[in-house]
Amino acid sequence: MSASKVLVLGIGNLLWADEGFGVRAVEALHAGWQLPPSATLMDGGTQGLYLLEPVCESDHVLVFDAIDYGLPPGTLRVLRDAEIPQWSDTTMSLHQASFMELLSLARLRDRFPRRITLIGVQPAVLDDLGGSLSPLVRARVQEAVVLALAELAAWGFAAQVRSGPPEEALNASPLALADYEGGRPGADAACRVGDARFLNQVHGGA
């Protein structure tokens, strides 16, 4: 019998402020903790159905995401197994449709993970194009990591604190939090609610 595999997946769009929570959470987990070889950490971004095979190949899946629960901004919520909708008329996430389709396809293939957990945060800011996490949501990243560590340990995947930075980055260096924030223009130097040339808006009152 092969060893169990776990996939830790961060999904979301880094370009839309708090929509990047999932990616930043899995990035923080990767930076601070070493998981067993049977665990895979992945920046799933907005890949949607392209994540089907990694999900189907895993016995346990833990997902970080920004989810609209209708709760106060910054609220963390944990959903497990049947609590995670595979189809709904209510959209909780900007990319929920593709992720729900992914789960439905995994079920149809009879390759659904034995356990799946979603750790989500209620976003505070989404309409900041090119922005980073809002302070309220950023403050929840480490709390989400602690929740994930407890979940992984309960599944039998205990993590160890890293003594130094990981040898391999989780994503391309320009996407890493420090480089991303260091390289983007401030709100006063860029139209961060969209491009005024296409939205027919005048930026800066000009």
Protein backbone atom coordinates (compact mmCIF):
# COMPACT_ATOMS: atom_id res chain seq x y z
CA MET A 1 0.00 0.00 0.00
CA SER A 2 1.44 3.37 -1.04
CA ALA A 3 1.97 6.12 1.52
CA SER A 4 -0.71 8.77 1.84
CA LYS A 5 -0.14 12.02 0.00
CA VAL A 6 -1.25 15.47 1.06
CA LEU A 7 -1.61 18.56 -1.13
CA VAL A 8 -1.57 22.02 0.45
CA LEU A 9 -2.97 24.42 -2.10
CA GLY A 10 -3.16 28.20 -2.07
CA ILE A 11 -5.53 29.61 -4.66
CA GLY A 12 -6.37 33.18 -5.59
CA ASN A 13 -5.23 36.15 -7.64
CA LEU A 14 -2.33 38.15 -6.22
CA LEU A 15 -3.29 41.14 -8.37
CA TRP A 16 -6.59 41.69 -6.58
CA ALA A 17 -5.54 42.56 -3.04
CA ASP A 18 -7.18 40.16 -0.55
CA GLU A 19 -7.92 37.68 -3.35
CA GLY A 20 -4.25 36.74 -2.93
CA PHE A 21 -4.75 35.47 0.62
CA GLY A 22 -4.59 31.78 -0.33
CA VAL A 23 -1.29 32.17 -2.14
CA ARG A 24 0.23 34.26 0.65
CA ALA A 25 -0.88 31.72 3.26
CA VAL A 26 0.69 28.72 1.54
CA GLU A 27 3.77 30.87 0.88
CA ALA A 28 4.06 31.62 4.61
CA LEU A 29 3.64 27.95 5.49
CA HIS A 30 6.37 27.00 3.02
CA ALA A 31 8.72 29.70 4.32
CA GLY A 32 8.46 28.72 7.96
CA TRP A 33 7.80 24.99 8.06
CA GLN A 34 9.21 21.78 6.60
CA LEU A 35 6.64 19.12 5.79
CA PRO A 36 7.28 15.41 5.11
CA PRO A 37 8.24 14.33 1.56
CA SER A 38 4.72 12.98 1.04
CA ALA A 39 3.36 16.53 1.29
CA THR A 40 3.24 18.93 -1.65
CA LEU A 41 2.79 22.68 -1.24
CA MET A 42 1.53 24.49 -4.33
CA ASP A 43 0.79 28.04 -5.44
CA GLY A 44 -2.37 27.21 -7.38
CA GLY A 45 -3.02 30.82 -8.35
CA THR A 46 -6.01 30.93 -10.71
CA GLN A 47 -5.22 27.70 -12.55
CA GLY A 48 -8.68 26.25 -11.91
CA LEU A 49 -9.21 22.95 -13.70
CA TYR A 50 -5.49 22.59 -14.36
CA LEU A 51 -5.27 21.60 -10.68
CA LEU A 52 -7.47 18.55 -11.22
CA GLU A 53 -4.67 15.99 -11.43
CA PRO A 54 -2.80 17.21 -8.33
CA VAL A 55 -6.08 17.07 -6.38
CA CYS A 56 -7.03 13.62 -7.71
CA GLU A 57 -3.58 12.25 -6.91
CA SER A 58 -3.81 13.32 -3.25
CA ASP A 59 -5.41 11.51 -0.33
CA HIS A 60 -5.70 14.70 1.71
CA VAL A 61 -6.13 18.24 0.38
CA LEU A 62 -5.91 21.46 2.37
CA VAL A 63 -6.90 24.67 0.58
CA PHE A 64 -6.30 28.31 1.54
CA ASP A 65 -8.58 30.83 -0.17
CA ALA A 66 -10.38 34.15 0.19
CA ILE A 67 -14.06 33.31 0.63
CA ASP A 68 -17.13 35.52 0.89
CA TYR A 69 -19.01 34.10 3.86
CA GLY A 70 -20.89 37.35 4.48
CA LEU A 71 -18.96 37.69 7.76
CA PRO A 72 -16.95 40.65 9.09
CA PRO A 73 -13.81 41.28 7.00
CA GLY A 74 -10.80 39.35 8.24
CA THR A 75 -12.85 36.51 9.74
CA LEU A 76 -11.30 33.07 9.33
CA ARG A 77 -13.48 30.02 8.83
CA VAL A 78 -12.63 26.35 8.44
CA LEU A 79 -14.79 24.01 6.32
CA ARG A 80 -14.20 20.27 6.16
CA ASP A 81 -15.26 17.53 3.77
CA ALA A 82 -19.04 17.66 3.13
CA GLU A 83 -19.17 21.25 4.43
CA ILE A 84 -17.37 22.35 1.26
CA PRO A 85 -19.96 22.81 -1.50
CA GLN A 86 -19.32 21.05 -4.79
CA TRP A 87 -22.09 23.08 -6.37
CA SER A 88 -24.06 26.08 -5.22
CA ASP A 89 -26.13 28.95 -6.59
CA THR A 90 -24.20 31.26 -4.24
CA THR A 91 -20.72 32.31 -5.32
CA MET A 92 -18.34 32.56 -2.37
CA SER A 93 -15.13 33.20 -4.31
CA LEU A 94 -14.13 35.01 -7.51
CA HIS A 95 -12.89 31.67 -8.88
CA GLN A 96 -15.30 29.40 -7.06
CA ALA A 97 -16.96 28.05 -10.22
CA SER A 98 -13.76 26.49 -11.54
CA PHE A 99 -12.78 25.04 -8.16
CA MET A 100 -16.25 23.59 -7.63
CA GLU A 101 -16.12 22.10 -11.11
CA LEU A 102 -12.76 20.60 -10.18
CA LEU A 103 -14.23 18.93 -7.09
CA SER A 104 -17.20 17.66 -9.08
CA LEU A 105 -14.91 16.18 -11.73
CA ALA A 106 -12.77 14.52 -9.07
CA ARG A 107 -15.95 12.94 -7.66
CA LEU A 108 -17.05 11.79 -11.12
CA ARG A 109 -13.65 10.19 -11.65
CA ASP A 110 -14.02 8.42 -8.32
CA ARG A 111 -10.72 10.01 -7.31
CA PHE A 112 -11.97 12.41 -4.66
CA PRO A 113 -9.58 13.04 -1.72
CA ARG A 114 -10.36 11.10 1.44
CA ARG A 115 -10.17 14.33 3.43
CA ILE A 116 -10.39 17.93 2.27
CA THR A 117 -10.25 21.10 4.38
CA LEU A 118 -10.75 24.70 3.32
CA ILE A 119 -9.28 27.52 5.41
CA GLY A 120 -10.82 30.74 4.16
CA VAL A 121 -10.80 34.39 5.10
CA GLN A 122 -13.47 37.00 4.53
CA PRO A 123 -11.76 39.59 2.28
CA ALA A 124 -11.75 43.27 3.18
CA VAL A 125 -10.47 44.75 -0.11
CA LEU A 126 -10.82 43.33 -3.62
CA ASP A 127 -10.99 46.37 -5.92
CA ASP A 128 -7.31 47.37 -5.59
CA LEU A 129 -5.78 46.21 -8.88
CA GLY A 130 -2.11 45.48 -8.25
CA GLY A 131 -2.57 45.95 -4.53
CA SER A 132 -1.34 43.63 -1.82
CA LEU A 133 -3.22 42.17 1.14
CA SER A 134 -5.10 44.64 3.28
CA PRO A 135 -3.68 45.02 6.81
CA LEU A 136 -6.75 43.28 8.26
CA VAL A 137 -6.36 40.17 6.11
CA ARG A 138 -2.56 40.17 6.30
CA ALA A 139 -2.87 39.90 10.08
CA ARG A 140 -4.75 36.60 9.62
CA VAL A 141 -2.13 34.82 7.51
CA GLN A 142 -0.11 33.39 10.40
CA GLU A 143 -3.29 32.39 12.23
CA ALA A 144 -4.36 30.50 9.10
CA VAL A 145 -0.96 28.79 9.01
CA VAL A 146 -1.40 27.66 12.64
CA LEU A 147 -4.82 26.22 11.77
CA ALA A 148 -3.29 24.41 8.80
CA LEU A 149 -0.47 22.95 10.90
CA ALA A 150 -3.00 21.55 13.37
CA GLU A 151 -5.07 20.05 10.55
CA LEU A 152 -2.02 18.49 8.90
CA ALA A 153 -0.82 17.05 12.20
CA ALA A 154 -4.26 15.48 12.77
CA TRP A 155 -3.90 13.83 9.36
CA GLY A 156 -0.48 12.47 10.32
CA PHE A 157 1.66 15.04 8.51
CA ALA A 158 3.59 16.76 11.28
CA ALA A 159 5.67 19.79 10.25
CA GLN A 160 9.02 20.94 11.61
CA VAL A 161 10.11 24.55 12.05
CA ARG A 162 12.70 25.46 9.43
CA SER A 163 16.16 26.44 10.64
CA GLY A 164 16.67 28.57 7.52
CA PRO A 165 14.91 29.64 4.34
CA PRO A 166 13.72 26.87 2.00
CA GLU A 167 16.10 25.84 -0.78
CA GLU A 168 13.40 26.15 -3.42
CA ALA A 169 10.93 29.01 -3.71
CA LEU A 170 7.25 28.19 -3.92
CA ASN A 171 6.66 30.57 -6.81
CA ALA A 172 8.57 32.86 -9.17
CA SER A 173 10.61 35.45 -7.29
CA PRO A 174 8.72 38.49 -8.69
CA LEU A 175 5.56 37.04 -7.12
CA ALA A 176 7.07 36.55 -3.67
CA LEU A 177 5.61 38.99 -1.16
CA ALA A 178 8.72 41.14 -0.61
CA ASP A 179 9.55 41.47 -4.31
CA TYR A 180 5.95 42.01 -5.30
CA GLU A 181 5.41 44.80 -2.81
CA GLY A 182 8.81 46.33 -3.47
CA GLY A 183 8.26 46.51 -7.21
CA ARG A 184 4.71 47.75 -7.51
CA PRO A 185 3.91 51.48 -7.75
CA GLY A 186 1.95 53.15 -5.01
CA ALA A 187 -1.69 54.07 -5.38
CA ASP A 188 -0.69 57.69 -6.09
CA ALA A 189 1.43 56.60 -9.09
CA ALA A 190 -0.90 54.09 -10.71
CA CYS A 191 -4.59 53.69 -11.43
CA ARG A 192 -5.20 50.78 -9.11
CA VAL A 193 -8.93 50.50 -9.72
CA GLY A 194 -8.33 49.73 -13.41
CA ASP A 195 -6.91 51.45 -16.46
CA ALA A 196 -8.62 54.79 -17.06
CA ARG A 197 -7.98 54.48 -20.81
CA PHE A 198 -10.28 51.45 -20.97
CA LEU A 199 -12.72 52.27 -18.20
CA ASN A 200 -13.37 55.76 -19.56
CA GLN A 201 -12.53 57.23 -16.20
CA VAL A 202 -10.28 60.16 -15.40
CA HIS A 203 -7.53 59.24 -12.96
CA GLY A 204 -6.45 61.75 -10.36
CA GLY A 205 -9.21 64.21 -11.19
CA ALA A 206 -7.47 65.40 -14.35
